[in-house]
Every structure is written in structure tokens, then in C-alpha cells.
Amino acid sequence: MAKYKLEYLWLDGYTPVANIRGKTKIAEFDDFPTLDQLDDWGFDGSSTQQADGGDSDCMLKPVAVYPDAGRSGNAALVMCEVMLPDGTPHPSNTRATIIDDPGAWFGFEQEYFLEQDGRPLGWPEVGYPDPQGEYYTAVGNKNCGDIARTIVEEHLDLCLAAGINHEGINAEVAKGQ
């Protein structure tokens, strides 16, 4: 049996935008773990805006597992839903209600800013860059920079290596985004 680093990932209870949280569990498996081999795992919800201090137990229920291409050795990304101790979905767990609406259509878009010295990459030291617009789906060093493109490409390659479905990438409306 081999030891695996399992990075349990979930969305916290912050609003209006939740943050990704993670903690690593070590477990032994003969081969890469399947979803049914992964245990539920508890966490302190009072630190993630998902419980009060006096009753802070929350549970992580694995719903998908992918190879973690960003870590060396045996490693997996374990995507989780947040559950209450009785096994029902936590109020912040909006994923659990998707199945209740068979007509729902949705998509995911992960947007982020790359930063350098506390400000978005490519922004001047003082003030702001040119107005938004010219950066959206832009190419070339002036608009998105070669370092930014290298990071975005590496992120895409890691997702694809892990088996995480990806539809594509593009530069966004603000410089450094």
C-alpha cells in the first residue's frame, strides 16, 4: 500500500463570494483512490463562517477525486460538499440543490488576478492602467504579458493533467486578470 496526500477542497460560508478552503489528509491505498474509498472528514465550521463557536462541527463529503498534478508523489484533489453533522447539506452548500432543478443550466468560469508587489500584474506603481476593454481576449506582451500567459498555460496544463474538464482560457477585461 502507498500513502496518498489527499487535499480535501470545499467552499466556505463567506458572502457574497465564497473562498476555497483545503486541508490535507494522509491515507493508504493500493492504487489511486476511487470516490467510494474516500472517507467523510470533519472540520471547524466556526473558522469558515459555517458554524457558531459553540457547535462548530461540519462534515466534508467527497463528490469528485482527481490526480493532483501540482504535487509530487501520490496526491489527489478531493472536491467536497459541506454537510451538517446529521448528513444533510449545509445551508452554504448550494451544489446540493442543483439536482432539485433538472432544468438548471450552469457553467463555471474561474477568474483571477495575478499580483506583483500587492497590485495587479502590469499596473503602474501609482494610479491605474488604461481603461478596461483593450485587455479582454487580448494577445501580446503589451496587453497580457508573457509571464501572465506562462502562468495561465501552466494552470491549464495542470488542470488537464488532473483530468479536470476545461473548455478554454482567455484574458479578461482588466490588466492582470
N, C-alpha and C. Protein backbone atom coordinates (compact mmCIF):
# COMPACT_ATOMS: atom_id res chain seq x y z
N MET A 1 0.84 -1.19 0.00
CA MET A 1 0.00 0.00 0.00
C MET A 1 0.88 1.25 0.00
N ALA A 2 0.38 2.28 -0.66
CA ALA A 2 1.11 3.54 -0.74
C ALA A 2 0.35 4.63 0.00
N LYS A 3 1.11 5.55 0.59
CA LYS A 3 0.49 6.69 1.26
C LYS A 3 0.15 7.75 0.22
N TYR A 4 -1.04 8.32 0.34
CA TYR A 4 -1.52 9.37 -0.56
C TYR A 4 -1.79 10.65 0.22
N LYS A 5 -1.43 11.78 -0.38
CA LYS A 5 -1.79 13.09 0.15
C LYS A 5 -3.12 13.47 -0.50
N LEU A 6 -4.15 13.54 0.29
CA LEU A 6 -5.49 13.86 -0.20
C LEU A 6 -5.83 15.29 0.20
N GLU A 7 -5.91 16.19 -0.77
CA GLU A 7 -6.24 17.59 -0.49
C GLU A 7 -7.75 17.76 -0.61
N TYR A 8 -8.43 17.78 0.55
CA TYR A 8 -9.88 17.98 0.59
C TYR A 8 -10.15 19.46 0.36
N LEU A 9 -10.95 19.79 -0.64
CA LEU A 9 -11.26 21.18 -1.01
C LEU A 9 -12.75 21.43 -0.90
N TRP A 10 -13.12 22.61 -0.39
CA TRP A 10 -14.54 22.96 -0.27
C TRP A 10 -14.69 24.47 -0.30
N LEU A 11 -15.93 24.92 -0.48
CA LEU A 11 -16.25 26.34 -0.44
C LEU A 11 -16.70 26.71 0.96
N ASP A 12 -16.19 27.83 1.48
CA ASP A 12 -16.57 28.26 2.82
C ASP A 12 -17.90 29.02 2.78
N GLY A 13 -18.29 29.61 3.90
CA GLY A 13 -19.57 30.28 4.01
C GLY A 13 -19.52 31.79 3.86
N TYR A 14 -18.41 32.33 3.42
CA TYR A 14 -18.31 33.78 3.25
C TYR A 14 -19.21 34.25 2.11
N THR A 15 -19.79 35.44 2.29
CA THR A 15 -20.64 36.03 1.26
C THR A 15 -20.16 37.46 1.01
N PRO A 16 -20.34 37.99 -0.16
CA PRO A 16 -21.11 37.43 -1.26
C PRO A 16 -20.35 36.39 -2.08
N VAL A 17 -19.03 36.27 -1.87
CA VAL A 17 -18.25 35.31 -2.65
C VAL A 17 -17.54 34.35 -1.70
N ALA A 18 -17.79 33.08 -1.88
CA ALA A 18 -17.14 32.06 -1.07
C ALA A 18 -15.67 31.91 -1.46
N ASN A 19 -14.87 31.45 -0.52
CA ASN A 19 -13.45 31.18 -0.74
C ASN A 19 -13.24 29.67 -0.80
N ILE A 20 -12.19 29.25 -1.45
CA ILE A 20 -11.83 27.83 -1.46
C ILE A 20 -11.01 27.55 -0.21
N ARG A 21 -11.35 26.48 0.48
CA ARG A 21 -10.61 26.03 1.66
C ARG A 21 -10.03 24.65 1.36
N GLY A 22 -9.00 24.28 2.08
CA GLY A 22 -8.41 22.97 1.87
C GLY A 22 -7.64 22.50 3.09
N LYS A 23 -7.63 21.19 3.27
CA LYS A 23 -6.77 20.57 4.27
C LYS A 23 -6.37 19.19 3.76
N THR A 24 -5.20 18.75 4.18
CA THR A 24 -4.62 17.52 3.64
C THR A 24 -4.75 16.37 4.62
N LYS A 25 -5.23 15.26 4.10
CA LYS A 25 -5.35 14.02 4.86
C LYS A 25 -4.41 12.99 4.23
N ILE A 26 -3.74 12.20 5.04
CA ILE A 26 -2.87 11.13 4.56
C ILE A 26 -3.61 9.81 4.76
N ALA A 27 -3.67 9.01 3.70
CA ALA A 27 -4.33 7.70 3.77
C ALA A 27 -3.60 6.73 2.85
N GLU A 28 -3.75 5.44 3.12
CA GLU A 28 -3.07 4.41 2.33
C GLU A 28 -4.05 3.71 1.40
N PHE A 29 -3.59 3.49 0.15
CA PHE A 29 -4.39 2.80 -0.87
C PHE A 29 -3.45 1.94 -1.71
N ASP A 30 -4.00 0.88 -2.29
CA ASP A 30 -3.23 0.05 -3.22
C ASP A 30 -3.00 0.77 -4.54
N ASP A 31 -4.02 1.48 -5.01
CA ASP A 31 -3.98 2.23 -6.27
C ASP A 31 -4.58 3.61 -6.02
N PHE A 32 -4.61 4.43 -7.08
CA PHE A 32 -5.23 5.74 -6.94
C PHE A 32 -6.64 5.56 -6.38
N PRO A 33 -7.01 6.32 -5.34
CA PRO A 33 -8.30 6.09 -4.68
C PRO A 33 -9.49 6.45 -5.57
N THR A 34 -10.54 5.65 -5.40
CA THR A 34 -11.81 5.95 -6.05
C THR A 34 -12.67 6.73 -5.06
N LEU A 35 -13.71 7.35 -5.56
CA LEU A 35 -14.57 8.17 -4.72
C LEU A 35 -15.15 7.38 -3.55
N ASP A 36 -15.57 6.14 -3.80
CA ASP A 36 -16.18 5.35 -2.72
C ASP A 36 -15.17 4.91 -1.66
N GLN A 37 -13.88 5.07 -1.90
CA GLN A 37 -12.86 4.74 -0.90
C GLN A 37 -12.53 5.92 0.02
N LEU A 38 -13.02 7.09 -0.31
CA LEU A 38 -12.68 8.28 0.45
C LEU A 38 -13.66 8.51 1.59
N ASP A 39 -13.12 8.76 2.77
CA ASP A 39 -13.95 9.00 3.95
C ASP A 39 -14.45 10.43 4.00
N ASP A 40 -15.60 10.61 4.64
CA ASP A 40 -16.02 11.94 5.04
C ASP A 40 -15.01 12.43 6.07
N TRP A 41 -14.91 13.74 6.23
CA TRP A 41 -13.93 14.29 7.16
C TRP A 41 -14.50 15.55 7.79
N GLY A 42 -14.27 15.73 9.06
CA GLY A 42 -14.80 16.88 9.78
C GLY A 42 -13.89 18.10 9.72
N PHE A 43 -14.48 19.26 10.01
CA PHE A 43 -13.70 20.48 10.14
C PHE A 43 -14.44 21.45 11.04
N ASP A 44 -13.72 22.48 11.50
CA ASP A 44 -14.26 23.50 12.39
C ASP A 44 -14.94 24.59 11.56
N GLY A 45 -16.25 24.53 11.46
CA GLY A 45 -17.01 25.48 10.66
C GLY A 45 -17.05 26.88 11.23
N SER A 46 -16.67 27.05 12.50
CA SER A 46 -16.69 28.40 13.08
C SER A 46 -15.59 29.27 12.49
N SER A 47 -14.59 28.67 11.90
CA SER A 47 -13.50 29.43 11.29
C SER A 47 -13.73 29.71 9.81
N THR A 48 -14.84 29.19 9.27
CA THR A 48 -15.12 29.36 7.83
C THR A 48 -16.50 29.97 7.59
N GLN A 49 -17.08 30.59 8.61
CA GLN A 49 -18.42 31.19 8.51
C GLN A 49 -19.50 30.15 8.23
N GLN A 50 -19.31 28.92 8.75
CA GLN A 50 -20.28 27.86 8.51
C GLN A 50 -20.84 27.26 9.79
N ALA A 51 -20.46 27.81 10.95
CA ALA A 51 -20.99 27.32 12.22
C ALA A 51 -20.66 28.32 13.32
N ASP A 52 -21.40 28.23 14.41
CA ASP A 52 -21.12 29.02 15.60
C ASP A 52 -20.02 28.34 16.40
N GLY A 53 -19.33 29.11 17.24
CA GLY A 53 -18.24 28.57 18.04
C GLY A 53 -18.65 27.46 18.98
N GLY A 54 -19.86 27.51 19.53
CA GLY A 54 -20.30 26.50 20.48
C GLY A 54 -20.71 25.18 19.85
N ASP A 55 -20.97 25.18 18.57
CA ASP A 55 -21.39 23.97 17.85
C ASP A 55 -20.79 24.04 16.45
N SER A 56 -19.49 23.79 16.37
CA SER A 56 -18.76 24.12 15.14
C SER A 56 -18.50 22.96 14.19
N ASP A 57 -19.01 21.78 14.51
CA ASP A 57 -18.72 20.62 13.65
C ASP A 57 -19.42 20.71 12.31
N CYS A 58 -18.67 20.54 11.25
CA CYS A 58 -19.18 20.40 9.89
C CYS A 58 -18.47 19.21 9.26
N MET A 59 -19.08 18.65 8.23
CA MET A 59 -18.51 17.48 7.57
C MET A 59 -18.20 17.78 6.11
N LEU A 60 -17.14 17.17 5.61
CA LEU A 60 -16.77 17.24 4.21
C LEU A 60 -17.12 15.91 3.56
N LYS A 61 -17.97 15.96 2.54
CA LYS A 61 -18.38 14.76 1.82
C LYS A 61 -17.73 14.80 0.43
N PRO A 62 -16.80 13.88 0.14
CA PRO A 62 -16.17 13.86 -1.18
C PRO A 62 -17.20 13.61 -2.28
N VAL A 63 -17.11 14.39 -3.36
CA VAL A 63 -18.01 14.22 -4.51
C VAL A 63 -17.25 14.01 -5.82
N ALA A 64 -15.94 14.26 -5.83
CA ALA A 64 -15.11 14.01 -7.01
C ALA A 64 -13.66 13.93 -6.56
N VAL A 65 -12.87 13.14 -7.29
CA VAL A 65 -11.45 13.00 -6.97
C VAL A 65 -10.65 13.03 -8.27
N TYR A 66 -9.53 13.79 -8.23
CA TYR A 66 -8.66 13.96 -9.40
C TYR A 66 -7.21 13.81 -8.97
N PRO A 67 -6.34 13.33 -9.86
CA PRO A 67 -4.91 13.34 -9.54
C PRO A 67 -4.45 14.79 -9.34
N ASP A 68 -3.60 15.01 -8.35
CA ASP A 68 -3.07 16.35 -8.09
C ASP A 68 -1.75 16.50 -8.83
N ALA A 69 -1.82 17.03 -10.04
CA ALA A 69 -0.64 17.16 -10.89
C ALA A 69 0.34 18.21 -10.36
N GLY A 70 -0.07 19.01 -9.40
CA GLY A 70 0.79 20.04 -8.85
C GLY A 70 1.65 19.57 -7.69
N ARG A 71 1.42 18.36 -7.22
CA ARG A 71 2.21 17.81 -6.12
C ARG A 71 2.99 16.60 -6.61
N SER A 72 4.15 16.40 -6.03
CA SER A 72 4.92 15.22 -6.38
C SER A 72 4.41 14.02 -5.60
N GLY A 73 4.66 12.85 -6.13
CA GLY A 73 4.27 11.63 -5.45
C GLY A 73 2.79 11.34 -5.59
N ASN A 74 2.29 10.53 -4.69
CA ASN A 74 0.89 10.13 -4.71
C ASN A 74 0.04 11.22 -4.07
N ALA A 75 -0.73 11.90 -4.90
CA ALA A 75 -1.54 13.01 -4.39
C ALA A 75 -2.83 13.12 -5.17
N ALA A 76 -3.88 13.56 -4.48
CA ALA A 76 -5.19 13.71 -5.11
C ALA A 76 -5.87 14.97 -4.62
N LEU A 77 -6.66 15.57 -5.51
CA LEU A 77 -7.56 16.67 -5.16
C LEU A 77 -8.93 16.06 -4.91
N VAL A 78 -9.48 16.30 -3.74
CA VAL A 78 -10.78 15.74 -3.36
C VAL A 78 -11.77 16.89 -3.24
N MET A 79 -12.67 17.00 -4.21
CA MET A 79 -13.68 18.05 -4.19
C MET A 79 -14.80 17.61 -3.25
N CYS A 80 -15.22 18.52 -2.36
CA CYS A 80 -16.17 18.15 -1.31
C CYS A 80 -17.37 19.07 -1.24
N GLU A 81 -18.46 18.51 -0.75
CA GLU A 81 -19.63 19.28 -0.33
C GLU A 81 -19.55 19.43 1.18
N VAL A 82 -20.11 20.51 1.70
CA VAL A 82 -20.17 20.71 3.15
C VAL A 82 -21.52 20.21 3.65
N MET A 83 -21.46 19.37 4.67
CA MET A 83 -22.66 18.77 5.25
C MET A 83 -22.73 19.11 6.74
N LEU A 84 -23.94 19.10 7.26
CA LEU A 84 -24.15 19.23 8.70
C LEU A 84 -23.84 17.88 9.35
N PRO A 85 -23.63 17.85 10.67
CA PRO A 85 -23.30 16.58 11.33
C PRO A 85 -24.35 15.48 11.12
N ASP A 86 -25.61 15.86 10.87
CA ASP A 86 -26.65 14.85 10.66
C ASP A 86 -26.68 14.32 9.22
N GLY A 87 -25.76 14.81 8.37
CA GLY A 87 -25.67 14.32 7.00
C GLY A 87 -26.46 15.12 5.98
N THR A 88 -27.20 16.13 6.42
CA THR A 88 -27.95 16.96 5.48
C THR A 88 -27.03 18.07 4.95
N PRO A 89 -27.34 18.61 3.77
CA PRO A 89 -26.49 19.66 3.21
C PRO A 89 -26.47 20.92 4.09
N HIS A 90 -25.31 21.49 4.24
CA HIS A 90 -25.15 22.76 4.96
C HIS A 90 -25.83 23.86 4.14
N PRO A 91 -26.40 24.89 4.78
CA PRO A 91 -27.04 25.98 4.02
C PRO A 91 -26.13 26.63 2.97
N SER A 92 -24.82 26.63 3.18
CA SER A 92 -23.90 27.20 2.19
C SER A 92 -23.63 26.26 1.02
N ASN A 93 -24.12 25.05 1.11
CA ASN A 93 -23.87 24.02 0.09
C ASN A 93 -24.93 24.12 -1.01
N THR A 94 -24.78 25.09 -1.87
CA THR A 94 -25.77 25.28 -2.94
C THR A 94 -25.66 24.22 -4.03
N ARG A 95 -24.54 23.54 -4.11
CA ARG A 95 -24.38 22.47 -5.09
C ARG A 95 -25.38 21.35 -4.84
N ALA A 96 -25.70 21.11 -3.58
CA ALA A 96 -26.60 20.01 -3.22
C ALA A 96 -28.01 20.20 -3.77
N THR A 97 -28.40 21.44 -4.06
CA THR A 97 -29.76 21.69 -4.54
C THR A 97 -29.86 21.68 -6.06
N ILE A 98 -28.75 21.56 -6.76
CA ILE A 98 -28.79 21.56 -8.23
C ILE A 98 -29.65 20.42 -8.75
N ILE A 99 -29.56 19.27 -8.13
CA ILE A 99 -30.33 18.11 -8.60
C ILE A 99 -31.83 18.33 -8.45
N ASP A 100 -32.24 19.26 -7.58
CA ASP A 100 -33.66 19.55 -7.39
C ASP A 100 -34.27 20.27 -8.59
N ASP A 101 -33.46 20.83 -9.47
CA ASP A 101 -33.94 21.57 -10.63
C ASP A 101 -33.35 20.96 -11.90
N PRO A 102 -34.03 19.96 -12.48
CA PRO A 102 -33.47 19.28 -13.66
C PRO A 102 -33.32 20.19 -14.87
N GLY A 103 -33.96 21.35 -14.87
CA GLY A 103 -33.85 22.28 -15.99
C GLY A 103 -32.73 23.29 -15.84
N ALA A 104 -31.99 23.20 -14.75
CA ALA A 104 -30.94 24.19 -14.49
C ALA A 104 -29.78 24.03 -15.47
N TRP A 105 -29.32 25.16 -15.97
CA TRP A 105 -28.12 25.21 -16.80
C TRP A 105 -27.10 26.07 -16.06
N PHE A 106 -25.88 25.66 -16.05
CA PHE A 106 -24.86 26.46 -15.38
C PHE A 106 -23.50 26.17 -15.97
N GLY A 107 -22.59 27.07 -15.74
CA GLY A 107 -21.22 26.91 -16.17
C GLY A 107 -20.30 27.55 -15.16
N PHE A 108 -19.07 27.18 -15.20
CA PHE A 108 -18.09 27.71 -14.27
C PHE A 108 -17.08 28.55 -15.03
N GLU A 109 -16.71 29.66 -14.44
CA GLU A 109 -15.67 30.50 -15.00
C GLU A 109 -14.79 30.94 -13.85
N GLN A 110 -13.55 30.50 -13.87
CA GLN A 110 -12.62 30.87 -12.81
C GLN A 110 -11.83 32.09 -13.25
N GLU A 111 -12.13 33.22 -12.64
CA GLU A 111 -11.40 34.45 -12.93
C GLU A 111 -10.47 34.76 -11.76
N TYR A 112 -9.34 35.32 -12.07
CA TYR A 112 -8.41 35.70 -11.02
C TYR A 112 -7.48 36.80 -11.52
N PHE A 113 -6.86 37.50 -10.58
CA PHE A 113 -5.84 38.50 -10.88
C PHE A 113 -4.49 37.92 -10.49
N LEU A 114 -3.49 38.18 -11.30
CA LEU A 114 -2.11 37.89 -10.94
C LEU A 114 -1.56 39.17 -10.33
N GLU A 115 -0.89 39.04 -9.19
CA GLU A 115 -0.39 40.22 -8.49
C GLU A 115 1.12 40.22 -8.38
N GLN A 116 1.67 41.42 -8.31
CA GLN A 116 3.09 41.62 -8.07
C GLN A 116 3.22 42.83 -7.16
N ASP A 117 3.90 42.68 -6.05
CA ASP A 117 4.09 43.77 -5.09
C ASP A 117 2.76 44.35 -4.61
N GLY A 118 1.74 43.52 -4.45
CA GLY A 118 0.47 43.95 -3.89
C GLY A 118 -0.48 44.62 -4.86
N ARG A 119 -0.18 44.63 -6.14
CA ARG A 119 -1.09 45.22 -7.13
C ARG A 119 -1.16 44.28 -8.34
N PRO A 120 -2.22 44.38 -9.11
CA PRO A 120 -2.34 43.51 -10.28
C PRO A 120 -1.14 43.65 -11.22
N LEU A 121 -0.73 42.53 -11.78
CA LEU A 121 0.40 42.48 -12.69
C LEU A 121 0.19 43.43 -13.87
N GLY A 122 1.19 44.26 -14.14
CA GLY A 122 1.12 45.20 -15.25
C GLY A 122 0.57 46.56 -14.90
N TRP A 123 0.05 46.72 -13.67
CA TRP A 123 -0.46 48.03 -13.27
C TRP A 123 0.72 48.94 -12.92
N PRO A 124 0.57 50.25 -13.14
CA PRO A 124 1.65 51.17 -12.77
C PRO A 124 1.80 51.24 -11.24
N GLU A 125 2.97 51.69 -10.79
CA GLU A 125 3.22 51.79 -9.35
C GLU A 125 2.27 52.78 -8.68
N VAL A 126 1.87 53.81 -9.41
CA VAL A 126 0.94 54.81 -8.91
C VAL A 126 -0.17 54.96 -9.94
N GLY A 127 -1.41 55.01 -9.48
CA GLY A 127 -2.52 55.21 -10.40
C GLY A 127 -3.08 53.92 -10.95
N TYR A 128 -3.67 54.03 -12.11
CA TYR A 128 -4.39 52.91 -12.71
C TYR A 128 -3.94 52.71 -14.16
N PRO A 129 -4.18 51.52 -14.70
CA PRO A 129 -3.84 51.29 -16.11
C PRO A 129 -4.87 51.96 -17.02
N ASP A 130 -4.67 51.81 -18.32
CA ASP A 130 -5.65 52.32 -19.28
C ASP A 130 -7.01 51.70 -18.99
N PRO A 131 -8.10 52.34 -19.45
CA PRO A 131 -9.44 51.81 -19.20
C PRO A 131 -9.60 50.36 -19.70
N GLN A 132 -10.55 49.67 -19.07
CA GLN A 132 -10.82 48.29 -19.45
C GLN A 132 -11.28 48.23 -20.90
N GLY A 133 -11.11 47.10 -21.48
CA GLY A 133 -11.61 46.88 -22.83
C GLY A 133 -10.55 46.33 -23.75
N GLU A 134 -9.39 47.00 -23.78
CA GLU A 134 -8.36 46.54 -24.71
C GLU A 134 -7.69 45.24 -24.26
N TYR A 135 -7.91 44.85 -23.01
CA TYR A 135 -7.25 43.66 -22.49
C TYR A 135 -8.06 42.39 -22.73
N TYR A 136 -9.39 42.52 -22.85
CA TYR A 136 -10.26 41.35 -22.99
C TYR A 136 -9.89 40.56 -24.24
N THR A 137 -9.59 39.30 -24.06
CA THR A 137 -9.16 38.35 -25.11
C THR A 137 -7.97 38.86 -25.90
N ALA A 138 -7.19 39.76 -25.30
CA ALA A 138 -6.04 40.35 -25.98
C ALA A 138 -4.87 39.38 -26.02
N VAL A 139 -3.98 39.62 -26.96
CA VAL A 139 -2.74 38.86 -27.06
C VAL A 139 -1.59 39.86 -27.11
N GLY A 140 -0.41 39.36 -26.84
CA GLY A 140 0.76 40.21 -26.92
C GLY A 140 1.22 40.72 -25.58
N ASN A 141 2.52 40.99 -25.49
CA ASN A 141 3.14 41.40 -24.24
C ASN A 141 2.55 42.69 -23.68
N LYS A 142 2.20 43.64 -24.54
CA LYS A 142 1.66 44.93 -24.07
C LYS A 142 0.37 44.73 -23.28
N ASN A 143 -0.47 43.81 -23.71
CA ASN A 143 -1.78 43.64 -23.10
C ASN A 143 -1.83 42.62 -21.97
N CYS A 144 -1.13 41.51 -22.13
CA CYS A 144 -1.26 40.49 -21.08
C CYS A 144 0.07 40.02 -20.53
N GLY A 145 1.16 40.31 -21.17
CA GLY A 145 2.47 39.96 -20.64
C GLY A 145 2.81 38.49 -20.83
N ASP A 146 4.09 38.21 -21.05
CA ASP A 146 4.50 36.83 -21.27
C ASP A 146 4.49 36.02 -19.99
N ILE A 147 4.77 36.64 -18.84
CA ILE A 147 4.75 35.91 -17.58
C ILE A 147 3.33 35.47 -17.25
N ALA A 148 2.37 36.37 -17.44
CA ALA A 148 0.97 36.03 -17.17
C ALA A 148 0.53 34.86 -18.04
N ARG A 149 0.86 34.91 -19.31
CA ARG A 149 0.46 33.83 -20.21
C ARG A 149 1.11 32.51 -19.80
N THR A 150 2.37 32.54 -19.38
CA THR A 150 3.06 31.34 -18.92
C THR A 150 2.34 30.72 -17.73
N ILE A 151 1.94 31.55 -16.77
CA ILE A 151 1.24 31.06 -15.58
C ILE A 151 -0.12 30.48 -15.96
N VAL A 152 -0.86 31.17 -16.80
CA VAL A 152 -2.18 30.70 -17.23
C VAL A 152 -2.06 29.37 -17.96
N GLU A 153 -1.07 29.25 -18.84
CA GLU A 153 -0.86 28.00 -19.58
C GLU A 153 -0.49 26.85 -18.64
N GLU A 154 0.35 27.13 -17.64
CA GLU A 154 0.72 26.09 -16.67
C GLU A 154 -0.50 25.65 -15.87
N HIS A 155 -1.33 26.61 -15.46
CA HIS A 155 -2.56 26.27 -14.74
C HIS A 155 -3.46 25.39 -15.60
N LEU A 156 -3.63 25.74 -16.86
CA LEU A 156 -4.43 24.94 -17.78
C LEU A 156 -3.86 23.53 -17.92
N ASP A 157 -2.54 23.43 -18.10
CA ASP A 157 -1.90 22.11 -18.25
C ASP A 157 -2.08 21.26 -17.00
N LEU A 158 -1.98 21.86 -15.81
CA LEU A 158 -2.19 21.11 -14.57
C LEU A 158 -3.62 20.60 -14.46
N CYS A 159 -4.58 21.44 -14.82
CA CYS A 159 -5.99 21.01 -14.80
C CYS A 159 -6.22 19.85 -15.76
N LEU A 160 -5.70 19.97 -16.97
CA LEU A 160 -5.88 18.90 -17.95
C LEU A 160 -5.18 17.62 -17.52
N ALA A 161 -3.98 17.73 -16.94
CA ALA A 161 -3.26 16.55 -16.46
C ALA A 161 -4.00 15.86 -15.33
N ALA A 162 -4.74 16.64 -14.54
CA ALA A 162 -5.52 16.07 -13.43
C ALA A 162 -6.85 15.49 -13.90
N GLY A 163 -7.20 15.71 -15.16
CA GLY A 163 -8.48 15.20 -15.66
C GLY A 163 -9.64 16.13 -15.40
N ILE A 164 -9.37 17.37 -15.03
CA ILE A 164 -10.43 18.35 -14.78
C ILE A 164 -10.85 18.96 -16.11
N ASN A 165 -12.12 18.83 -16.44
CA ASN A 165 -12.62 19.33 -17.72
C ASN A 165 -12.41 20.83 -17.83
N HIS A 166 -11.98 21.26 -18.98
CA HIS A 166 -11.72 22.66 -19.26
C HIS A 166 -12.25 22.97 -20.64
N GLU A 167 -12.94 24.06 -20.80
CA GLU A 167 -13.47 24.44 -22.10
C GLU A 167 -12.56 25.42 -22.83
N GLY A 168 -11.72 26.17 -22.09
CA GLY A 168 -10.83 27.12 -22.73
C GLY A 168 -10.35 28.17 -21.77
N ILE A 169 -9.53 29.08 -22.29
CA ILE A 169 -8.98 30.18 -21.49
C ILE A 169 -9.02 31.46 -22.31
N ASN A 170 -9.04 32.60 -21.63
CA ASN A 170 -8.90 33.89 -22.29
C ASN A 170 -8.52 34.96 -21.27
N ALA A 171 -7.87 36.01 -21.77
CA ALA A 171 -7.57 37.16 -20.93
C ALA A 171 -8.88 37.89 -20.64
N GLU A 172 -8.99 38.48 -19.45
CA GLU A 172 -10.23 39.16 -19.05
C GLU A 172 -10.12 40.67 -19.27
N VAL A 173 -11.12 41.41 -18.76
CA VAL A 173 -11.26 42.83 -19.11
C VAL A 173 -10.26 43.76 -18.44
N ALA A 174 -9.67 43.36 -17.32
CA ALA A 174 -8.72 44.23 -16.62
C ALA A 174 -7.30 43.72 -16.82
N LYS A 175 -6.36 44.63 -16.85
CA LYS A 175 -4.96 44.24 -16.95
C LYS A 175 -4.58 43.43 -15.72
N GLY A 176 -3.90 42.32 -15.92
CA GLY A 176 -3.51 41.43 -14.83
C GLY A 176 -4.55 40.40 -14.47
N GLN A 177 -5.69 40.41 -15.16
CA GLN A 177 -6.78 39.48 -14.85
C GLN A 177 -6.80 38.36 -15.87
